[in-house]
PDB file of N, CA and C in Angstrom:
ATOM      1  N   MET A   1     -21.271   1.594 -61.460  1.00  0.00           N
ATOM      2  CA  MET A   1     -20.244   2.500 -61.632  1.00  0.00           C
ATOM      3  C   MET A   1     -20.726   4.001 -61.732  1.00  0.00           C
ATOM      4  N   VAL A   2     -21.931   4.340 -62.243  1.00  0.00           N
ATOM      5  CA  VAL A   2     -22.456   5.611 -62.244  1.00  0.00           C
ATOM      6  C   VAL A   2     -22.682   6.042 -60.787  1.00  0.00           C
ATOM      7  N   PHE A   3     -23.124   5.262 -59.820  1.00  0.00           N
ATOM      8  CA  PHE A   3     -23.345   5.676 -58.470  1.00  0.00           C
ATOM      9  C   PHE A   3     -22.147   6.178 -57.958  1.00  0.00           C
ATOM     10  N   VAL A   4     -21.034   5.482 -58.196  1.00  0.00           N
ATOM     11  CA  VAL A   4     -19.691   5.864 -57.546  1.00  0.00           C
ATOM     12  C   VAL A   4     -19.300   7.287 -58.026  1.00  0.00           C
ATOM     13  N   MET A   5     -19.557   7.630 -59.366  1.00  0.00           N
ATOM     14  CA  MET A   5     -19.215   8.919 -59.831  1.00  0.00           C
ATOM     15  C   MET A   5     -20.053   9.916 -59.183  1.00  0.00           C
ATOM     16  N   LYS A   6     -21.346   9.684 -59.134  1.00  0.00           N
ATOM     17  CA  LYS A   6     -22.222  10.614 -58.488  1.00  0.00           C
ATOM     18  C   LYS A   6     -21.850  10.795 -57.042  1.00  0.00           C
ATOM     19  N   TYR A   7     -21.371   9.876 -56.374  1.00  0.00           N
ATOM     20  CA  TYR A   7     -21.059   9.910 -54.889  1.00  0.00           C
ATOM     21  C   TYR A   7     -19.895  10.862 -54.967  1.00  0.00           C
ATOM     22  N   ARG A   8     -18.970  10.688 -55.727  1.00  0.00           N
ATOM     23  CA  ARG A   8     -17.770  11.574 -55.736  1.00  0.00           C
ATOM     24  C   ARG A   8     -18.107  13.052 -55.967  1.00  0.00           C
ATOM     25  N   ILE A   9     -18.944  13.161 -56.895  1.00  0.00           N
ATOM     26  CA  ILE A   9     -19.423  14.666 -57.151  1.00  0.00           C
ATOM     27  C   ILE A   9     -20.166  15.172 -55.997  1.00  0.00           C
ATOM     28  N   HIS A  10     -20.953  14.284 -55.387  1.00  0.00           N
ATOM     29  CA  HIS A  10     -21.757  14.827 -54.027  1.00  0.00           C
ATOM     30  C   HIS A  10     -20.736  15.300 -53.052  1.00  0.00           C
ATOM     31  N   LYS A  11     -19.809  14.491 -52.770  1.00  0.00           N
ATOM     32  CA  LYS A  11     -18.793  14.667 -51.777  1.00  0.00           C
ATOM     33  C   LYS A  11     -18.011  15.919 -52.143  1.00  0.00           C
ATOM     34  N   LYS A  12     -17.590  16.079 -53.313  1.00  0.00           N
ATOM     35  CA  LYS A  12     -16.855  17.322 -53.753  1.00  0.00           C
ATOM     36  C   LYS A  12     -17.735  18.537 -53.549  1.00  0.00           C
ATOM     37  N   LEU A  13     -18.928  18.459 -53.916  1.00  0.00           N
ATOM     38  CA  LEU A  13     -19.972  19.545 -53.842  1.00  0.00           C
ATOM     39  C   LEU A  13     -19.965  19.994 -52.420  1.00  0.00           C
ATOM     40  N   GLU A  14     -20.210  18.958 -51.517  1.00  0.00           N
ATOM     41  CA  GLU A  14     -20.376  19.146 -50.120  1.00  0.00           C
ATOM     42  C   GLU A  14     -19.222  19.849 -49.490  1.00  0.00           C
ATOM     43  N   TRP A  15     -18.030  19.460 -49.886  1.00  0.00           N
ATOM     44  CA  TRP A  15     -16.844  20.084 -49.370  1.00  0.00           C
ATOM     45  C   TRP A  15     -16.680  21.524 -49.827  1.00  0.00           C
ATOM     46  N   ALA A  16     -17.064  21.773 -51.136  1.00  0.00           N
ATOM     47  CA  ALA A  16     -16.996  23.008 -51.648  1.00  0.00           C
ATOM     48  C   ALA A  16     -17.904  24.077 -50.871  1.00  0.00           C
ATOM     49  N   ILE A  17     -19.162  23.483 -50.580  1.00  0.00           N
ATOM     50  CA  ILE A  17     -20.135  24.321 -49.903  1.00  0.00           C
ATOM     51  C   ILE A  17     -19.670  24.615 -48.443  1.00  0.00           C
ATOM     52  N   GLU A  18     -19.155  23.554 -47.786  1.00  0.00           N
ATOM     53  CA  GLU A  18     -18.664  23.639 -46.472  1.00  0.00           C
ATOM     54  C   GLU A  18     -17.405  24.772 -46.476  1.00  0.00           C
ATOM     55  N   GLU A  19     -16.501  24.703 -47.401  1.00  0.00           N
ATOM     56  CA  GLU A  19     -15.431  25.662 -47.290  1.00  0.00           C
ATOM     57  C   GLU A  19     -15.935  27.116 -47.697  1.00  0.00           C
ATOM     58  N   ALA A  20     -17.075  27.150 -48.556  1.00  0.00           N
ATOM     59  CA  ALA A  20     -17.580  28.575 -48.854  1.00  0.00           C
ATOM     60  C   ALA A  20     -18.301  29.074 -47.639  1.00  0.00           C
ATOM     61  N   LEU A  21     -18.824  28.259 -46.799  1.00  0.00           N
ATOM     62  CA  LEU A  21     -19.415  28.618 -45.460  1.00  0.00           C
ATOM     63  C   LEU A  21     -18.468  29.195 -44.480  1.00  0.00           C
ATOM     64  N   SER A  22     -17.341  28.560 -44.516  1.00  0.00           N
ATOM     65  CA  SER A  22     -16.213  28.949 -43.487  1.00  0.00           C
ATOM     66  C   SER A  22     -15.450  30.146 -43.894  1.00  0.00           C
ATOM     67  N   ARG A  23     -15.636  30.760 -45.126  1.00  0.00           N
ATOM     68  CA  ARG A  23     -14.959  31.929 -45.520  1.00  0.00           C
ATOM     69  C   ARG A  23     -15.871  33.149 -45.128  1.00  0.00           C
ATOM     70  N   PRO A  24     -15.151  34.260 -44.918  1.00  0.00           N
ATOM     71  CA  PRO A  24     -15.909  35.459 -44.746  1.00  0.00           C
ATOM     72  C   PRO A  24     -16.471  35.905 -46.036  1.00  0.00           C
ATOM     73  N   PRO A  25     -17.677  36.663 -45.990  1.00  0.00           N
ATOM     74  CA  PRO A  25     -18.269  37.166 -44.931  1.00  0.00           C
ATOM     75  C   PRO A  25     -19.395  36.173 -44.585  1.00  0.00           C
ATOM     76  N   SER A  26     -19.222  34.907 -44.532  1.00  0.00           N
ATOM     77  CA  SER A  26     -20.205  33.997 -44.145  1.00  0.00           C
ATOM     78  C   SER A  26     -20.781  34.273 -42.726  1.00  0.00           C
ATOM     79  N   LYS A  27     -21.956  34.357 -42.620  1.00  0.00           N
ATOM     80  CA  LYS A  27     -22.703  34.739 -41.287  1.00  0.00           C
ATOM     81  C   LYS A  27     -23.716  33.750 -41.001  1.00  0.00           C
ATOM     82  N   THR A  28     -24.119  33.646 -39.734  1.00  0.00           N
ATOM     83  CA  THR A  28     -25.209  32.841 -39.345  1.00  0.00           C
ATOM     84  C   THR A  28     -26.531  33.366 -39.775  1.00  0.00           C
ATOM     85  N   GLY A  29     -27.465  32.575 -40.341  1.00  0.00           N
ATOM     86  CA  GLY A  29     -28.745  33.140 -40.681  1.00  0.00           C
ATOM     87  C   GLY A  29     -28.715  33.425 -42.250  1.00  0.00           C
ATOM     88  N   ARG A  30     -27.675  33.408 -42.863  1.00  0.00           N
ATOM     89  CA  ARG A  30     -27.729  33.724 -44.371  1.00  0.00           C
ATOM     90  C   ARG A  30     -28.335  32.657 -45.029  1.00  0.00           C
ATOM     91  N   ARG A  31     -28.846  32.785 -46.210  1.00  0.00           N
ATOM     92  CA  ARG A  31     -29.457  31.811 -47.041  1.00  0.00           C
ATOM     93  C   ARG A  31     -28.407  31.453 -48.168  1.00  0.00           C
ATOM     94  N   LEU A  32     -28.610  30.199 -48.559  1.00  0.00           N
ATOM     95  CA  LEU A  32     -27.874  29.734 -49.834  1.00  0.00           C
ATOM     96  C   LEU A  32     -28.687  30.276 -51.065  1.00  0.00           C
ATOM     97  N   ALA A  33     -28.026  30.531 -52.181  1.00  0.00           N
ATOM     98  CA  ALA A  33     -28.715  30.759 -53.379  1.00  0.00           C
ATOM     99  C   ALA A  33     -29.790  29.697 -53.728  1.00  0.00           C
ATOM    100  N   PRO A  34     -30.698  29.936 -54.530  1.00  0.00           N
ATOM    101  CA  PRO A  34     -31.662  29.026 -54.938  1.00  0.00           C
ATOM    102  C   PRO A  34     -30.918  27.837 -55.668  1.00  0.00           C
ATOM    103  N   GLU A  35     -31.729  26.554 -55.539  1.00  0.00           N
ATOM    104  CA  GLU A  35     -31.098  25.540 -56.136  1.00  0.00           C
ATOM    105  C   GLU A  35     -30.809  25.616 -57.485  1.00  0.00           C
ATOM    106  N   ARG A  36     -31.811  26.246 -58.354  1.00  0.00           N
ATOM    107  CA  ARG A  36     -31.550  26.441 -59.708  1.00  0.00           C
ATOM    108  C   ARG A  36     -30.217  27.104 -60.026  1.00  0.00           C
ATOM    109  N   VAL A  37     -29.913  28.189 -59.222  1.00  0.00           N
ATOM    110  CA  VAL A  37     -28.812  29.072 -59.364  1.00  0.00           C
ATOM    111  C   VAL A  37     -27.524  28.108 -58.968  1.00  0.00           C
ATOM    112  N   LEU A  38     -27.627  27.499 -57.901  1.00  0.00           N
ATOM    113  CA  LEU A  38     -26.460  26.660 -57.514  1.00  0.00           C
ATOM    114  C   LEU A  38     -26.150  25.477 -58.494  1.00  0.00           C
ATOM    115  N   CYS A  39     -27.148  24.879 -59.025  1.00  0.00           N
ATOM    116  CA  CYS A  39     -27.021  23.910 -60.035  1.00  0.00           C
ATOM    117  C   CYS A  39     -26.325  24.458 -61.315  1.00  0.00           C
ATOM    118  N   GLU A  40     -26.924  25.558 -61.674  1.00  0.00           N
ATOM    119  CA  GLU A  40     -26.197  26.122 -62.947  1.00  0.00           C
ATOM    120  C   GLU A  40     -24.737  26.540 -62.661  1.00  0.00           C
ATOM    121  N   ALA A  41     -24.529  26.976 -61.565  1.00  0.00           N
ATOM    122  CA  ALA A  41     -23.044  27.508 -61.157  1.00  0.00           C
ATOM    123  C   ALA A  41     -22.095  26.284 -60.995  1.00  0.00           C
ATOM    124  N   THR A  42     -22.649  25.259 -60.506  1.00  0.00           N
ATOM    125  CA  THR A  42     -21.657  24.017 -60.279  1.00  0.00           C
ATOM    126  C   THR A  42     -21.763  23.074 -61.361  1.00  0.00           C
ATOM    127  N   GLY A  43     -22.803  23.099 -62.199  1.00  0.00           N
ATOM    128  CA  GLY A  43     -23.023  22.211 -63.263  1.00  0.00           C
ATOM    129  C   GLY A  43     -23.395  20.700 -62.842  1.00  0.00           C
ATOM    130  N   VAL A  44     -24.100  20.684 -61.738  1.00  0.00           N
ATOM    131  CA  VAL A  44     -24.641  19.338 -61.205  1.00  0.00           C
ATOM    132  C   VAL A  44     -26.171  19.439 -61.187  1.00  0.00           C
ATOM    133  N   SER A  45     -26.721  18.214 -61.141  1.00  0.00           N
ATOM    134  CA  SER A  45     -28.125  18.144 -61.117  1.00  0.00           C
ATOM    135  C   SER A  45     -28.794  18.444 -59.729  1.00  0.00           C
ATOM    136  N   ARG A  46     -30.063  18.746 -59.726  1.00  0.00           N
ATOM    137  CA  ARG A  46     -30.729  19.005 -58.509  1.00  0.00           C
ATOM    138  C   ARG A  46     -30.539  17.841 -57.505  1.00  0.00           C
ATOM    139  N   VAL A  47     -30.637  16.640 -57.870  1.00  0.00           N
ATOM    140  CA  VAL A  47     -30.531  15.570 -57.070  1.00  0.00           C
ATOM    141  C   VAL A  47     -29.216  15.495 -56.360  1.00  0.00           C
ATOM    142  N   THR A  48     -28.161  15.686 -57.270  1.00  0.00           N
ATOM    143  CA  THR A  48     -26.814  15.695 -56.565  1.00  0.00           C
ATOM    144  C   THR A  48     -26.722  16.883 -55.557  1.00  0.00           C
ATOM    145  N   LEU A  49     -27.203  18.061 -55.964  1.00  0.00           N
ATOM    146  CA  LEU A  49     -27.108  19.131 -55.090  1.00  0.00           C
ATOM    147  C   LEU A  49     -27.758  18.875 -53.746  1.00  0.00           C
ATOM    148  N   ARG A  50     -29.051  18.281 -53.935  1.00  0.00           N
ATOM    149  CA  ARG A  50     -29.854  18.075 -52.639  1.00  0.00           C
ATOM    150  C   ARG A  50     -29.051  16.859 -51.806  1.00  0.00           C
ATOM    151  N   HIS A  51     -28.390  16.018 -52.286  1.00  0.00           N
ATOM    152  CA  HIS A  51     -27.653  15.021 -51.515  1.00  0.00           C
ATOM    153  C   HIS A  51     -26.584  15.785 -50.716  1.00  0.00           C
ATOM    154  N   ALA A  52     -25.913  16.690 -51.291  1.00  0.00           N
ATOM    155  CA  ALA A  52     -24.904  17.367 -50.617  1.00  0.00           C
ATOM    156  C   ALA A  52     -25.437  18.109 -49.413  1.00  0.00           C
ATOM    157  N   ILE A  53     -26.579  18.918 -49.795  1.00  0.00           N
ATOM    158  CA  ILE A  53     -27.186  19.770 -48.808  1.00  0.00           C
ATOM    159  C   ILE A  53     -27.617  18.952 -47.671  1.00  0.00           C
ATOM    160  N   GLU A  54     -28.372  17.943 -47.866  1.00  0.00           N
ATOM    161  CA  GLU A  54     -28.794  16.900 -46.792  1.00  0.00           C
ATOM    162  C   GLU A  54     -27.732  16.363 -45.970  1.00  0.00           C
ATOM    163  N   SER A  55     -26.585  16.141 -46.627  1.00  0.00           N
ATOM    164  CA  SER A  55     -25.486  15.669 -45.761  1.00  0.00           C
ATOM    165  C   SER A  55     -25.076  16.856 -44.808  1.00  0.00           C
ATOM    166  N   LEU A  56     -24.989  18.015 -45.400  1.00  0.00           N
ATOM    167  CA  LEU A  56     -24.500  19.097 -44.529  1.00  0.00           C
ATOM    168  C   LEU A  56     -25.588  19.357 -43.422  1.00  0.00           C
ATOM    169  N   ILE A  57     -26.847  19.237 -43.667  1.00  0.00           N
ATOM    170  CA  ILE A  57     -27.880  19.377 -42.700  1.00  0.00           C
ATOM    171  C   ILE A  57     -27.750  18.225 -41.568  1.00  0.00           C
ATOM    172  N   SER A  58     -27.525  17.124 -42.008  1.00  0.00           N
ATOM    173  CA  SER A  58     -27.360  16.097 -41.031  1.00  0.00           C
ATOM    174  C   SER A  58     -26.072  16.232 -40.040  1.00  0.00           C
ATOM    175  N   ARG A  59     -25.130  16.942 -40.698  1.00  0.00           N
ATOM    176  CA  ARG A  59     -23.882  17.297 -39.780  1.00  0.00           C
ATOM    177  C   ARG A  59     -24.080  18.598 -39.064  1.00  0.00           C
ATOM    178  N   ASP A  60     -25.256  19.198 -39.220  1.00  0.00           N
ATOM    179  CA  ASP A  60     -25.541  20.447 -38.348  1.00  0.00           C
ATOM    180  C   ASP A  60     -24.737  21.523 -38.958  1.00  0.00           C
ATOM    181  N   LEU A  61     -24.311  21.667 -40.114  1.00  0.00           N
ATOM    182  CA  LEU A  61     -23.567  22.726 -40.762  1.00  0.00           C
ATOM    183  C   LEU A  61     -24.536  23.691 -41.417  1.00  0.00           C
ATOM    184  N   LEU A  62     -25.781  23.169 -41.759  1.00  0.00           N
ATOM    185  CA  LEU A  62     -26.821  23.903 -42.403  1.00  0.00           C
ATOM    186  C   LEU A  62     -28.143  23.595 -41.745  1.00  0.00           C
ATOM    187  N   VAL A  63     -29.120  24.628 -41.825  1.00  0.00           N
ATOM    188  CA  VAL A  63     -30.318  24.439 -41.237  1.00  0.00           C
ATOM    189  C   VAL A  63     -31.295  24.700 -42.236  1.00  0.00           C
ATOM    190  N   ARG A  64     -32.337  23.774 -42.312  1.00  0.00           N
ATOM    191  CA  ARG A  64     -33.524  23.875 -43.429  1.00  0.00           C
ATOM    192  C   ARG A  64     -34.381  24.982 -42.927  1.00  0.00           C
TER     193      ARG A  64
END
């Protein structure tokens, strides 16, 4: 059951990042805030944040 909850949080976070990237002034080449800052702002763990980021990277929406 815990895995299902984390999956939902991961997907919601992924969608939120994707939406933020699509809004101005989003530009190619900009960096995301550091993980620590994103975790504090969203209230998620680094593991959950990393899952969302990896998913966006695999979809070619982010570049490492």
